[in-house]
Structure formats: C-alpha cells, structure tokens
C-alpha atoms as a PDB file:
ATOM      1  CA  MET A   1    -104.546  20.160 -27.484  1.00  0.00           C
ATOM      2  CA  GLN A   2    -102.962  16.699 -28.950  1.00  0.00           C
ATOM      3  CA  GLU A   3     -99.446  16.749 -27.636  1.00  0.00           C
ATOM      4  CA  PRO A   4     -98.522  19.331 -24.993  1.00  0.00           C
ATOM      5  CA  ILE A   5     -94.911  19.851 -24.476  1.00  0.00           C
ATOM      6  CA  VAL A   6     -95.048  22.065 -21.505  1.00  0.00           C
ATOM      7  CA  THR A   7     -97.737  22.231 -18.793  1.00  0.00           C
ATOM      8  CA  LEU A   8     -97.649  24.318 -15.856  1.00  0.00           C
ATOM      9  CA  ASN A   9    -100.070  24.136 -12.949  1.00  0.00           C
ATOM     10  CA  LEU A  10    -100.376  27.532 -11.188  1.00  0.00           C
ATOM     11  CA  LEU A  11    -102.761  29.109  -8.784  1.00  0.00           C
ATOM     12  CA  ALA A  12    -104.426  32.707  -9.638  1.00  0.00           C
ATOM     13  CA  GLN A  13    -106.576  34.609  -7.164  1.00  0.00           C
ATOM     14  CA  ILE A  14    -108.715  37.471  -7.875  1.00  0.00           C
ATOM     15  CA  PRO A  15    -108.439  40.696  -5.949  1.00  0.00           C
ATOM     16  CA  GLY A  16    -110.632  39.854  -2.829  1.00  0.00           C
ATOM     17  CA  GLY A  17    -111.133  36.438  -3.973  1.00  0.00           C
ATOM     18  CA  ASP A  18    -110.318  32.604  -3.554  1.00  0.00           C
ATOM     19  CA  GLN A  19    -107.340  31.032  -5.321  1.00  0.00           C
ATOM     20  CA  PHE A  20    -108.053  28.621  -8.146  1.00  0.00           C
ATOM     21  CA  PRO A  21    -105.899  26.190 -10.309  1.00  0.00           C
ATOM     22  CA  ILE A  22    -104.822  27.323 -13.740  1.00  0.00           C
ATOM     23  CA  THR A  23    -103.082  25.357 -16.358  1.00  0.00           C
ATOM     24  CA  LEU A  24    -100.779  26.820 -18.838  1.00  0.00           C
ATOM     25  CA  ALA A  25    -100.209  24.349 -21.661  1.00  0.00           C
ATOM     26  CA  ILE A  26     -98.140  24.620 -24.932  1.00  0.00           C
ATOM     27  CA  GLY A  27     -98.391  22.201 -27.897  1.00  0.00           C
ATOM     28  CA  ARG A  28     -95.589  20.462 -29.934  1.00  0.00           C
ATOM     29  CA  PRO A  29     -95.553  22.986 -33.138  1.00  0.00           C
ATOM     30  CA  TYR A  30     -96.697  21.403 -36.343  1.00  0.00           C
ATOM     31  CA  GLN A  31     -96.692  22.268 -39.901  1.00  0.00           C
ATOM     32  CA  ILE A  32     -99.877  23.242 -41.555  1.00  0.00           C
ATOM     33  CA  ARG A  33    -100.823  20.693 -44.423  1.00  0.00           C
ATOM     34  CA  SER A  34    -102.211  23.251 -46.605  1.00  0.00           C
ATOM     35  CA  ASN A  35     -99.221  25.579 -46.615  1.00  0.00           C
ATOM     36  CA  PRO A  36     -95.787  23.783 -45.930  1.00  0.00           C
ATOM     37  CA  ASP A  37     -94.435  27.155 -44.961  1.00  0.00           C
ATOM     38  CA  VAL A  38     -96.565  27.636 -41.982  1.00  0.00           C
ATOM     39  CA  TRP A  39     -96.110  26.535 -38.478  1.00  0.00           C
ATOM     40  CA  ALA A  40     -98.632  26.670 -35.845  1.00  0.00           C
ATOM     41  CA  CYS A  41     -98.287  25.705 -32.214  1.00  0.00           C
ATOM     42  CA  ALA A  42    -101.479  25.385 -29.683  1.00  0.00           C
ATOM     43  CA  VAL A  43    -101.413  27.313 -26.406  1.00  0.00           C
ATOM     44  CA  THR A  44    -104.119  27.496 -23.567  1.00  0.00           C
ATOM     45  CA  VAL A  45    -104.207  29.008 -20.045  1.00  0.00           C
ATOM     46  CA  ASP A  46    -107.152  27.483 -18.623  1.00  0.00           C
ATOM     47  CA  PRO A  47    -109.687  28.774 -17.025  1.00  0.00           C
ATOM     48  CA  LEU A  48    -108.535  32.300 -17.950  1.00  0.00           C
ATOM     49  CA  THR A  49    -108.511  31.976 -21.993  1.00  0.00           C
ATOM     50  CA  PRO A  50    -109.398  28.036 -22.564  1.00  0.00           C
ATOM     51  CA  ASP A  51    -109.902  29.169 -26.455  1.00  0.00           C
ATOM     52  CA  LEU A  52    -106.652  30.960 -27.431  1.00  0.00           C
ATOM     53  CA  ASN A  53    -106.094  30.465 -31.314  1.00  0.00           C
ATOM     54  CA  ASP A  54    -103.014  28.383 -32.344  1.00  0.00           C
ATOM     55  CA  ARG A  55    -100.261  30.759 -32.892  1.00  0.00           C
ATOM     56  CA  MET A  56     -98.505  30.812 -36.485  1.00  0.00           C
ATOM     57  CA  GLY A  57     -94.997  31.403 -37.579  1.00  0.00           C
ATOM     58  CA  GLY A  58     -92.583  30.688 -40.398  1.00  0.00           C
ATOM     59  CA  ASP A  59     -90.810  27.777 -38.833  1.00  0.00           C
ATOM     60  CA  ALA A  60     -91.754  25.479 -35.708  1.00  0.00           C
ATOM     61  CA  LEU A  61     -89.610  27.620 -33.493  1.00  0.00           C
ATOM     62  CA  ARG A  62     -91.353  30.920 -34.446  1.00  0.00           C
ATOM     63  CA  ALA A  63     -94.618  29.401 -34.023  1.00  0.00           C
ATOM     64  CA  LEU A  64     -93.244  28.036 -30.292  1.00  0.00           C
ATOM     65  CA  ASP A  65     -92.237  31.816 -29.737  1.00  0.00           C
ATOM     66  CA  MET A  66     -95.516  33.142 -30.239  1.00  0.00           C
ATOM     67  CA  ALA A  67     -97.570  30.549 -28.331  1.00  0.00           C
ATOM     68  CA  THR A  68     -95.018  31.002 -25.167  1.00  0.00           C
ATOM     69  CA  TYR A  69     -95.450  34.700 -25.567  1.00  0.00           C
ATOM     70  CA  LEU A  70     -99.191  34.705 -25.537  1.00  0.00           C
ATOM     71  CA  ALA A  71     -99.339  32.566 -22.739  1.00  0.00           C
ATOM     72  CA  LEU A  72     -96.663  34.740 -20.458  1.00  0.00           C
ATOM     73  CA  ASP A  73     -98.703  37.841 -21.903  1.00  0.00           C
ATOM     74  CA  VAL A  74    -102.286  36.019 -20.275  1.00  0.00           C
ATOM     75  CA  LEU A  75    -100.707  35.657 -16.879  1.00  0.00           C
ATOM     76  CA  CYS A  76     -98.972  39.361 -16.831  1.00  0.00           C
ATOM     77  CA  SER A  77    -102.314  40.754 -18.125  1.00  0.00           C
ATOM     78  CA  PHE A  78    -104.262  39.470 -15.125  1.00  0.00           C
ATOM     79  CA  ARG A  79    -101.769  40.348 -12.846  1.00  0.00           C
ATOM     80  CA  ALA A  80    -101.690  43.813 -14.111  1.00  0.00           C
ATOM     81  CA  ASP A  81    -105.505  43.717 -13.689  1.00  0.00           C
ATOM     82  CA  GLY A  82    -104.719  43.218 -10.004  1.00  0.00           C
ATOM     83  CA  GLY A  83    -104.889  39.369  -9.766  1.00  0.00           C
ATOM     84  CA  ARG A  84    -102.081  37.299  -8.282  1.00  0.00           C
ATOM     85  CA  ILE A  85    -100.102  34.533 -10.163  1.00  0.00           C
ATOM     86  CA  LEU A  86     -99.095  31.743  -7.667  1.00  0.00           C
ATOM     87  CA  SER A  87     -97.133  28.649  -7.518  1.00  0.00           C
ATOM     88  CA  PRO A  88     -98.588  25.500  -6.170  1.00  0.00           C
ATOM     89  CA  ASP A  89     -97.351  26.249  -2.668  1.00  0.00           C
ATOM     90  CA  GLY A  90     -99.030  29.461  -2.517  1.00  0.00           C
ATOM     91  CA  SER A  91     -95.797  31.863  -2.858  1.00  0.00           C
ATOM     92  CA  ASP A  92     -96.178  34.397  -5.812  1.00  0.00           C
ATOM     93  CA  TYR A  93     -94.745  33.283  -9.112  1.00  0.00           C
ATOM     94  CA  PRO A  94     -91.726  34.934 -10.106  1.00  0.00           C
ATOM     95  CA  ILE A  95     -93.240  36.087 -13.588  1.00  0.00           C
ATOM     96  CA  GLU A  96     -90.113  38.592 -14.126  1.00  0.00           C
ATOM     97  CA  ALA A  97     -87.667  35.365 -14.062  1.00  0.00           C
ATOM     98  CA  LEU A  98     -88.891  35.240 -17.688  1.00  0.00           C
ATOM     99  CA  ASP A  99     -87.737  38.592 -18.620  1.00  0.00           C
ATOM    100  CA  SER A 100     -86.097  37.512 -21.624  1.00  0.00           C
ATOM    101  CA  ILE A 101     -89.132  36.177 -23.451  1.00  0.00           C
ATOM    102  CA  LEU A 102     -91.604  38.971 -22.111  1.00  0.00           C
ATOM    103  CA  ASN A 103     -88.359  41.966 -22.662  1.00  0.00           C
ATOM    104  CA  ARG A 104     -87.738  41.343 -26.299  1.00  0.00           C
ATOM    105  CA  ALA A 105     -86.735  44.902 -27.021  1.00  0.00           C
ATOM    106  CA  ASN A 106     -83.920  44.097 -24.223  1.00  0.00           C
ATOM    107  CA  LEU A 107     -83.203  40.476 -25.610  1.00  0.00           C
ATOM    108  CA  MET A 108     -82.501  42.097 -29.192  1.00  0.00           C
ATOM    109  CA  ASP A 109     -80.062  44.731 -27.805  1.00  0.00           C
ATOM    110  CA  ARG A 110     -77.888  41.604 -26.431  1.00  0.00           C
ATOM    111  CA  ILE A 111     -77.728  40.031 -30.235  1.00  0.00           C
END
C-alpha cells in the first residue's frame, strides 16, 4: 500500500492464546488508469488478512466505503470465531460503535 490514509493499531487474541498486534490500514482511493469510471482502494488487516484485493467502486467514495466495510468485516469475523479485538490498552475495542458502517440496512432506513 503506497499511501495509507487510515492506520489503526489494535491487538487481537485467539481464544486461550496470547495477544498479538494487528494493523488495519486503508489506502487513498485511486482511479484505475485503464478505466476512468472505476476507482479502487487498498485495504489490509495484517496479519489476519494481509493479502486482500483492492476494493473497487464507481467513484472514490464507493471504493473507500467498500474497503472500510471489508476491514470491519474481517474484525467482526475474527470476533465471531471466538477471538477478541482489543484497543492498545488491552480493553475490548468497541466495534459496535461503528454501527452505521456495519448495519447498512439500518443506515439506509434513515435516508
């Protein structure tokens, strides 16, 4: 990823295991040169899923939205499998606080 615009350093813990650092990073959206109607945005959640494909959309905002959603989905999936996502101080990271991104049906109902 050449130009991250968001980097979030957290901790993860596998059930019964030690804590380890994870880094969520989202790149600056970029226009696909071969198709100016398509934008892409890099995303990683290292080391949980370091090799994610860039997310694509019809404009920069949609590509950024898709990358953000994927990163949060990785965190939620890890937690759903019994893992913990922690803030750097060791407290549980409040993924639910990002409800407007994760619960799109609820968001769309407000429009």
